[in-house]
Amino acid sequence: MTGIQNEIKKRLQDRFQPSELNVEDESHLHQGHGGWREGGETHFRVTIRSSAFNGKSRIDQHRMVNAALDDLMNNPIHALAIKAHPEA
């Protein structure tokens, strides 16, 4: 796991106490595209399941995740794909 990847995971774990959390660095898939930097750590995919998302719209769920990572967005994170799920 990379430094930024670890930071994303820590923040989301602390904020949402998820029952499921997966953070993937997909930077290698975007080499040569906008926002990509040598060394990666620019493009991430997050899958998260938490009771904090219960009753929230998909847009609100994404806003909550983005808020937790606000100061990392745009630099060093260029792109963040989010799959947020409420607890069943």
N, C-alpha and C. Protein backbone atom coordinates (compact mmCIF):
# COMPACT_ATOMS: atom_id res chain seq x y z
N MET A 1 0.84 -1.19 0.00
CA MET A 1 0.00 0.00 0.00
C MET A 1 0.88 1.24 0.00
N THR A 2 0.42 2.25 -0.69
CA THR A 2 1.17 3.49 -0.80
C THR A 2 0.85 4.44 0.36
N GLY A 3 1.62 5.50 0.49
CA GLY A 3 1.39 6.47 1.57
C GLY A 3 0.04 7.14 1.49
N ILE A 4 -0.33 7.61 0.31
CA ILE A 4 -1.63 8.27 0.13
C ILE A 4 -2.75 7.25 0.31
N GLN A 5 -2.57 6.06 -0.21
CA GLN A 5 -3.55 4.99 -0.05
C GLN A 5 -3.79 4.69 1.42
N ASN A 6 -2.73 4.61 2.20
CA ASN A 6 -2.86 4.39 3.64
C ASN A 6 -3.60 5.54 4.31
N GLU A 7 -3.30 6.77 3.91
CA GLU A 7 -3.96 7.94 4.50
C GLU A 7 -5.45 7.94 4.19
N ILE A 8 -5.81 7.60 2.96
CA ILE A 8 -7.23 7.51 2.59
C ILE A 8 -7.91 6.48 3.47
N LYS A 9 -7.31 5.30 3.57
CA LYS A 9 -7.90 4.22 4.36
C LYS A 9 -8.06 4.62 5.82
N LYS A 10 -7.04 5.24 6.40
CA LYS A 10 -7.10 5.66 7.80
C LYS A 10 -8.22 6.67 8.04
N ARG A 11 -8.30 7.67 7.17
CA ARG A 11 -9.34 8.70 7.35
C ARG A 11 -10.73 8.13 7.23
N LEU A 12 -10.95 7.26 6.24
CA LEU A 12 -12.28 6.69 6.06
C LEU A 12 -12.62 5.74 7.20
N GLN A 13 -11.64 4.98 7.66
CA GLN A 13 -11.85 4.08 8.80
C GLN A 13 -12.23 4.89 10.05
N ASP A 14 -11.49 5.95 10.32
CA ASP A 14 -11.76 6.78 11.50
C ASP A 14 -13.12 7.47 11.42
N ARG A 15 -13.47 7.97 10.24
CA ARG A 15 -14.70 8.76 10.09
C ARG A 15 -15.95 7.89 10.06
N PHE A 16 -15.88 6.73 9.38
CA PHE A 16 -17.10 5.96 9.11
C PHE A 16 -17.18 4.59 9.79
N GLN A 17 -16.11 4.12 10.43
CA GLN A 17 -16.07 2.79 11.03
C GLN A 17 -16.76 1.76 10.11
N PRO A 18 -16.28 1.62 8.89
CA PRO A 18 -16.96 0.77 7.91
C PRO A 18 -16.83 -0.72 8.22
N SER A 19 -17.82 -1.48 7.79
CA SER A 19 -17.74 -2.94 7.88
C SER A 19 -16.98 -3.49 6.67
N GLU A 20 -16.87 -2.68 5.62
CA GLU A 20 -16.11 -3.04 4.43
C GLU A 20 -15.39 -1.78 3.94
N LEU A 21 -14.11 -1.93 3.63
CA LEU A 21 -13.35 -0.81 3.10
C LEU A 21 -12.23 -1.35 2.22
N ASN A 22 -12.22 -0.93 0.98
CA ASN A 22 -11.17 -1.30 0.05
C ASN A 22 -10.73 -0.03 -0.68
N VAL A 23 -9.44 0.24 -0.67
CA VAL A 23 -8.86 1.40 -1.34
C VAL A 23 -7.82 0.89 -2.32
N GLU A 24 -8.06 1.11 -3.61
CA GLU A 24 -7.15 0.64 -4.65
C GLU A 24 -6.49 1.83 -5.33
N ASP A 25 -5.18 1.74 -5.51
CA ASP A 25 -4.44 2.73 -6.29
C ASP A 25 -4.48 2.27 -7.74
N GLU A 26 -5.22 2.99 -8.57
CA GLU A 26 -5.38 2.66 -9.98
C GLU A 26 -4.57 3.59 -10.89
N SER A 27 -3.58 4.25 -10.31
CA SER A 27 -2.80 5.23 -11.05
C SER A 27 -2.14 4.62 -12.28
N HIS A 28 -1.69 3.38 -12.16
CA HIS A 28 -1.02 2.72 -13.29
C HIS A 28 -1.92 2.61 -14.52
N LEU A 29 -3.23 2.63 -14.32
CA LEU A 29 -4.18 2.54 -15.44
C LEU A 29 -4.32 3.87 -16.18
N HIS A 30 -3.78 4.94 -15.61
CA HIS A 30 -3.96 6.28 -16.16
C HIS A 30 -2.65 6.93 -16.59
N GLN A 31 -1.61 6.12 -16.71
CA GLN A 31 -0.30 6.65 -17.09
C GLN A 31 -0.40 7.42 -18.40
N GLY A 32 0.13 8.63 -18.38
CA GLY A 32 0.13 9.47 -19.57
C GLY A 32 -1.11 10.35 -19.71
N HIS A 33 -2.11 10.12 -18.88
CA HIS A 33 -3.34 10.92 -18.92
C HIS A 33 -3.24 12.10 -17.95
N GLY A 34 -4.19 13.00 -18.05
CA GLY A 34 -4.22 14.18 -17.20
C GLY A 34 -4.20 13.84 -15.72
N GLY A 35 -3.39 14.55 -14.97
CA GLY A 35 -3.33 14.37 -13.53
C GLY A 35 -2.38 13.28 -13.07
N TRP A 36 -1.93 12.43 -13.99
CA TRP A 36 -1.02 11.35 -13.62
C TRP A 36 0.37 11.92 -13.37
N ARG A 37 1.04 11.39 -12.35
CA ARG A 37 2.42 11.78 -12.04
C ARG A 37 3.27 10.53 -11.93
N GLU A 38 4.54 10.68 -12.21
CA GLU A 38 5.50 9.59 -12.01
C GLU A 38 5.43 9.15 -10.56
N GLY A 39 5.37 7.86 -10.34
CA GLY A 39 5.27 7.34 -8.98
C GLY A 39 3.84 7.03 -8.57
N GLY A 40 2.86 7.46 -9.37
CA GLY A 40 1.46 7.13 -9.09
C GLY A 40 0.87 7.91 -7.94
N GLU A 41 -0.01 7.25 -7.20
CA GLU A 41 -0.73 7.84 -6.07
C GLU A 41 -1.57 9.05 -6.50
N THR A 42 -2.21 8.93 -7.66
CA THR A 42 -3.04 10.02 -8.17
C THR A 42 -4.49 9.61 -8.40
N HIS A 43 -4.73 8.35 -8.73
CA HIS A 43 -6.05 7.85 -9.09
C HIS A 43 -6.41 6.68 -8.18
N PHE A 44 -7.54 6.80 -7.48
CA PHE A 44 -7.93 5.78 -6.52
C PHE A 44 -9.39 5.36 -6.72
N ARG A 45 -9.66 4.13 -6.29
CA ARG A 45 -11.03 3.60 -6.26
C ARG A 45 -11.31 3.14 -4.83
N VAL A 46 -12.41 3.64 -4.27
CA VAL A 46 -12.80 3.31 -2.89
C VAL A 46 -14.14 2.57 -2.92
N THR A 47 -14.18 1.45 -2.23
CA THR A 47 -15.43 0.74 -1.95
C THR A 47 -15.58 0.74 -0.44
N ILE A 48 -16.72 1.25 0.02
CA ILE A 48 -16.94 1.39 1.46
C ILE A 48 -18.39 1.08 1.82
N ARG A 49 -18.56 0.36 2.92
CA ARG A 49 -19.91 0.04 3.45
C ARG A 49 -19.94 0.48 4.91
N SER A 50 -20.92 1.32 5.23
CA SER A 50 -21.00 1.86 6.59
C SER A 50 -22.44 2.22 6.94
N SER A 51 -22.77 2.08 8.20
CA SER A 51 -24.09 2.50 8.67
C SER A 51 -24.24 4.02 8.59
N ALA A 52 -23.13 4.74 8.49
CA ALA A 52 -23.18 6.20 8.34
C ALA A 52 -23.90 6.60 7.05
N PHE A 53 -23.97 5.68 6.10
CA PHE A 53 -24.63 5.97 4.82
C PHE A 53 -26.11 5.57 4.80
N ASN A 54 -26.58 4.93 5.86
CA ASN A 54 -27.99 4.52 5.91
C ASN A 54 -28.90 5.74 5.75
N GLY A 55 -29.86 5.65 4.85
CA GLY A 55 -30.83 6.72 4.64
C GLY A 55 -30.30 7.89 3.83
N LYS A 56 -29.06 7.81 3.37
CA LYS A 56 -28.47 8.90 2.59
C LYS A 56 -28.56 8.58 1.09
N SER A 57 -28.72 9.62 0.29
CA SER A 57 -28.71 9.43 -1.16
C SER A 57 -27.28 9.12 -1.61
N ARG A 58 -27.14 8.59 -2.80
CA ARG A 58 -25.82 8.30 -3.36
C ARG A 58 -24.97 9.57 -3.41
N ILE A 59 -25.58 10.67 -3.80
CA ILE A 59 -24.86 11.94 -3.85
C ILE A 59 -24.36 12.33 -2.47
N ASP A 60 -25.21 12.21 -1.46
CA ASP A 60 -24.79 12.54 -0.10
C ASP A 60 -23.68 11.61 0.40
N GLN A 61 -23.76 10.34 0.05
CA GLN A 61 -22.72 9.39 0.43
C GLN A 61 -21.37 9.82 -0.16
N HIS A 62 -21.38 10.19 -1.44
CA HIS A 62 -20.15 10.62 -2.10
C HIS A 62 -19.64 11.93 -1.50
N ARG A 63 -20.53 12.82 -1.18
CA ARG A 63 -20.13 14.08 -0.55
C ARG A 63 -19.47 13.82 0.80
N MET A 64 -19.99 12.86 1.55
CA MET A 64 -19.42 12.53 2.85
C MET A 64 -17.99 12.00 2.70
N VAL A 65 -17.79 11.11 1.73
CA VAL A 65 -16.44 10.57 1.49
C VAL A 65 -15.51 11.69 1.02
N ASN A 66 -15.96 12.50 0.07
CA ASN A 66 -15.14 13.60 -0.42
C ASN A 66 -14.78 14.58 0.71
N ALA A 67 -15.70 14.84 1.61
CA ALA A 67 -15.44 15.75 2.73
C ALA A 67 -14.34 15.19 3.64
N ALA A 68 -14.34 13.89 3.83
CA ALA A 68 -13.32 13.26 4.68
C ALA A 68 -11.92 13.37 4.07
N LEU A 69 -11.87 13.54 2.75
CA LEU A 69 -10.59 13.59 2.04
C LEU A 69 -10.33 14.95 1.41
N ASP A 70 -11.09 15.94 1.82
CA ASP A 70 -11.10 17.26 1.17
C ASP A 70 -9.72 17.83 0.89
N ASP A 71 -8.85 17.85 1.87
CA ASP A 71 -7.55 18.50 1.68
C ASP A 71 -6.58 17.68 0.81
N LEU A 72 -6.95 16.44 0.49
CA LEU A 72 -6.12 15.61 -0.40
C LEU A 72 -6.58 15.71 -1.86
N MET A 73 -7.78 16.22 -2.06
CA MET A 73 -8.33 16.28 -3.42
C MET A 73 -7.59 17.33 -4.24
N ASN A 74 -7.40 17.02 -5.50
CA ASN A 74 -6.69 17.83 -6.49
C ASN A 74 -5.18 17.76 -6.31
N ASN A 75 -4.70 17.56 -5.11
CA ASN A 75 -3.28 17.35 -4.88
C ASN A 75 -3.10 16.76 -3.50
N PRO A 76 -2.75 15.52 -3.39
CA PRO A 76 -2.19 14.64 -4.39
C PRO A 76 -3.20 13.81 -5.19
N ILE A 77 -4.45 13.70 -4.73
CA ILE A 77 -5.44 12.89 -5.45
C ILE A 77 -5.97 13.67 -6.64
N HIS A 78 -5.87 13.05 -7.81
CA HIS A 78 -6.43 13.66 -9.02
C HIS A 78 -7.84 13.13 -9.30
N ALA A 79 -8.04 11.83 -9.07
CA ALA A 79 -9.34 11.22 -9.36
C ALA A 79 -9.68 10.20 -8.28
N LEU A 80 -10.96 10.18 -7.91
CA LEU A 80 -11.43 9.26 -6.89
C LEU A 80 -12.77 8.67 -7.33
N ALA A 81 -12.78 7.37 -7.57
CA ALA A 81 -14.01 6.65 -7.89
C ALA A 81 -14.54 6.08 -6.58
N ILE A 82 -15.83 6.28 -6.30
CA ILE A 82 -16.41 5.87 -5.02
C ILE A 82 -17.59 4.95 -5.25
N LYS A 83 -17.57 3.83 -4.53
CA LYS A 83 -18.73 2.94 -4.42
C LYS A 83 -19.05 2.87 -2.93
N ALA A 84 -20.04 3.65 -2.52
CA ALA A 84 -20.45 3.69 -1.12
C ALA A 84 -21.77 2.94 -0.95
N HIS A 85 -21.84 2.17 0.11
CA HIS A 85 -23.03 1.35 0.35
C HIS A 85 -23.46 1.50 1.81
N PRO A 86 -24.77 1.60 2.05
CA PRO A 86 -25.26 1.56 3.44
C PRO A 86 -25.18 0.13 3.96
N GLU A 87 -25.27 -0.03 5.27
CA GLU A 87 -25.35 -1.37 5.85
C GLU A 87 -26.68 -1.99 5.46
N ALA A 88 -26.68 -3.26 5.26
CA ALA A 88 -27.92 -3.96 4.88
C ALA A 88 -28.80 -4.16 6.09
